[in-house]
Amino acid sequence: MMRPVAPTCPVLSEAERVERAAAALSPLERDVLALSAGRGLRNPEIAARLGIRERRAERILARALRKFARELEERPRGLGRFWRR
């Protein structure tokens, strides 16, 4: 009798994990995050560059950081994502 084999999760490189996390963001979230983390701009500068209000830039950045961090977490995909909010 054969034993069932547990499914294996591929081990992703750091670059692949970052790419996957970035892909989970909307284009606007990626832009705001890139301007903040990549260019070192502050919320008023980001807002001016993108033509949005400063408060909106702040909220988008906070949401992008949460989504990005959540996607970087190493965890198996499955039903756990169903219950997380």
C-alpha atoms as a PDB file:
ATOM      1  CA  MET A   1       0.000   0.000   0.000  1.00  0.00           C
ATOM      2  CA  MET A   2       1.356   3.415  -0.957  1.00  0.00           C
ATOM      3  CA  ARG A   3       1.415   6.231   1.523  1.00  0.00           C
ATOM      4  CA  PRO A   4      -0.131   9.518   0.450  1.00  0.00           C
ATOM      5  CA  VAL A   5       2.437  12.105  -0.401  1.00  0.00           C
ATOM      6  CA  ALA A   6       2.001  15.560   1.067  1.00  0.00           C
ATOM      7  CA  PRO A   7       1.910  18.307  -1.533  1.00  0.00           C
ATOM      8  CA  THR A   8       5.096  20.276  -1.657  1.00  0.00           C
ATOM      9  CA  CYS A   9       5.240  24.036  -1.853  1.00  0.00           C
ATOM     10  CA  PRO A  10       7.938  25.364  -4.133  1.00  0.00           C
ATOM     11  CA  VAL A  11      10.547  27.409  -2.343  1.00  0.00           C
ATOM     12  CA  LEU A  12      10.603  30.855  -3.889  1.00  0.00           C
ATOM     13  CA  SER A  13      13.641  33.061  -4.059  1.00  0.00           C
ATOM     14  CA  GLU A  14      13.531  36.449  -2.375  1.00  0.00           C
ATOM     15  CA  ALA A  15      13.180  38.159  -5.755  1.00  0.00           C
ATOM     16  CA  GLU A  16      10.260  35.890  -6.694  1.00  0.00           C
ATOM     17  CA  ARG A  17       8.559  36.612  -3.375  1.00  0.00           C
ATOM     18  CA  VAL A  18       8.945  40.372  -3.904  1.00  0.00           C
ATOM     19  CA  GLU A  19       7.625  40.102  -7.469  1.00  0.00           C
ATOM     20  CA  ARG A  20       4.625  38.100  -6.282  1.00  0.00           C
ATOM     21  CA  ALA A  21       3.939  40.611  -3.492  1.00  0.00           C
ATOM     22  CA  ALA A  22       4.183  43.537  -5.924  1.00  0.00           C
ATOM     23  CA  ALA A  23       1.842  41.782  -8.350  1.00  0.00           C
ATOM     24  CA  ALA A  24      -0.805  41.643  -5.604  1.00  0.00           C
ATOM     25  CA  LEU A  25      -0.905  45.461  -5.510  1.00  0.00           C
ATOM     26  CA  SER A  26      -3.000  47.668  -7.747  1.00  0.00           C
ATOM     27  CA  PRO A  27      -1.096  49.907 -10.190  1.00  0.00           C
ATOM     28  CA  LEU A  28      -1.776  52.955  -7.996  1.00  0.00           C
ATOM     29  CA  GLU A  29      -0.600  51.121  -4.873  1.00  0.00           C
ATOM     30  CA  ARG A  30       2.590  50.083  -6.699  1.00  0.00           C
ATOM     31  CA  ASP A  31       3.196  53.672  -7.831  1.00  0.00           C
ATOM     32  CA  VAL A  32       2.716  55.104  -4.350  1.00  0.00           C
ATOM     33  CA  LEU A  33       4.904  52.440  -2.761  1.00  0.00           C
ATOM     34  CA  ALA A  34       7.628  52.913  -5.374  1.00  0.00           C
ATOM     35  CA  LEU A  35       7.625  56.683  -4.877  1.00  0.00           C
ATOM     36  CA  SER A  36       7.766  56.298  -1.102  1.00  0.00           C
ATOM     37  CA  ALA A  37      10.185  53.410  -0.662  1.00  0.00           C
ATOM     38  CA  GLY A  38      12.085  53.667  -3.916  1.00  0.00           C
ATOM     39  CA  ARG A  39      12.415  57.418  -4.322  1.00  0.00           C
ATOM     40  CA  GLY A  40      12.117  58.442  -0.673  1.00  0.00           C
ATOM     41  CA  LEU A  41       9.265  60.881  -1.325  1.00  0.00           C
ATOM     42  CA  ARG A  42       6.921  61.958   1.453  1.00  0.00           C
ATOM     43  CA  ASN A  43       3.126  61.870   1.201  1.00  0.00           C
ATOM     44  CA  PRO A  44       2.720  65.533   0.082  1.00  0.00           C
ATOM     45  CA  GLU A  45       5.261  64.976  -2.706  1.00  0.00           C
ATOM     46  CA  ILE A  46       3.626  61.703  -3.758  1.00  0.00           C
ATOM     47  CA  ALA A  47       0.211  63.344  -3.798  1.00  0.00           C
ATOM     48  CA  ALA A  48       1.468  66.245  -5.925  1.00  0.00           C
ATOM     49  CA  ARG A  49       3.227  63.946  -8.370  1.00  0.00           C
ATOM     50  CA  LEU A  50       0.169  61.693  -8.805  1.00  0.00           C
ATOM     51  CA  GLY A  51      -2.449  64.472  -8.702  1.00  0.00           C
ATOM     52  CA  ILE A  52      -4.262  63.101  -5.648  1.00  0.00           C
ATOM     53  CA  ARG A  53      -4.953  64.462  -2.189  1.00  0.00           C
ATOM     54  CA  GLU A  54      -2.332  63.991   0.510  1.00  0.00           C
ATOM     55  CA  ARG A  55      -4.708  62.029   2.750  1.00  0.00           C
ATOM     56  CA  ARG A  56      -5.485  59.647  -0.128  1.00  0.00           C
ATOM     57  CA  ALA A  57      -1.760  59.086  -0.753  1.00  0.00           C
ATOM     58  CA  GLU A  58      -1.363  58.280   2.947  1.00  0.00           C
ATOM     59  CA  ARG A  59      -4.219  55.758   2.931  1.00  0.00           C
ATOM     60  CA  ILE A  60      -3.022  54.113  -0.282  1.00  0.00           C
ATOM     61  CA  LEU A  61       0.519  53.801   1.077  1.00  0.00           C
ATOM     62  CA  ALA A  62      -0.724  52.237   4.326  1.00  0.00           C
ATOM     63  CA  ARG A  63      -2.876  49.754   2.395  1.00  0.00           C
ATOM     64  CA  ALA A  64      -0.041  48.925  -0.002  1.00  0.00           C
ATOM     65  CA  LEU A  65       2.368  48.279   2.870  1.00  0.00           C
ATOM     66  CA  ARG A  66      -0.135  45.967   4.593  1.00  0.00           C
ATOM     67  CA  LYS A  67      -0.833  44.017   1.399  1.00  0.00           C
ATOM     68  CA  PHE A  68       2.840  43.821   0.479  1.00  0.00           C
ATOM     69  CA  ALA A  69       3.859  42.573   3.938  1.00  0.00           C
ATOM     70  CA  ARG A  70       1.011  40.050   3.989  1.00  0.00           C
ATOM     71  CA  GLU A  71       2.089  38.640   0.637  1.00  0.00           C
ATOM     72  CA  LEU A  72       5.703  38.353   1.781  1.00  0.00           C
ATOM     73  CA  GLU A  73       4.747  36.171   4.732  1.00  0.00           C
ATOM     74  CA  GLU A  74       5.835  32.613   4.180  1.00  0.00           C
ATOM     75  CA  ARG A  75       2.794  30.452   4.636  1.00  0.00           C
ATOM     76  CA  PRO A  76       1.135  27.754   2.639  1.00  0.00           C
ATOM     77  CA  ARG A  77      -1.728  28.902   0.459  1.00  0.00           C
ATOM     78  CA  GLY A  78      -5.046  27.398   1.302  1.00  0.00           C
ATOM     79  CA  LEU A  79      -8.135  27.934   3.401  1.00  0.00           C
ATOM     80  CA  GLY A  80      -6.292  30.193   5.845  1.00  0.00           C
ATOM     81  CA  ARG A  81      -6.664  32.974   3.338  1.00  0.00           C
ATOM     82  CA  PHE A  82     -10.434  32.463   3.405  1.00  0.00           C
ATOM     83  CA  TRP A  83     -10.718  33.370   7.088  1.00  0.00           C
ATOM     84  CA  ARG A  84      -8.187  36.211   7.209  1.00  0.00           C
ATOM     85  CA  ARG A  85      -9.574  39.713   6.925  1.00  0.00           C
END
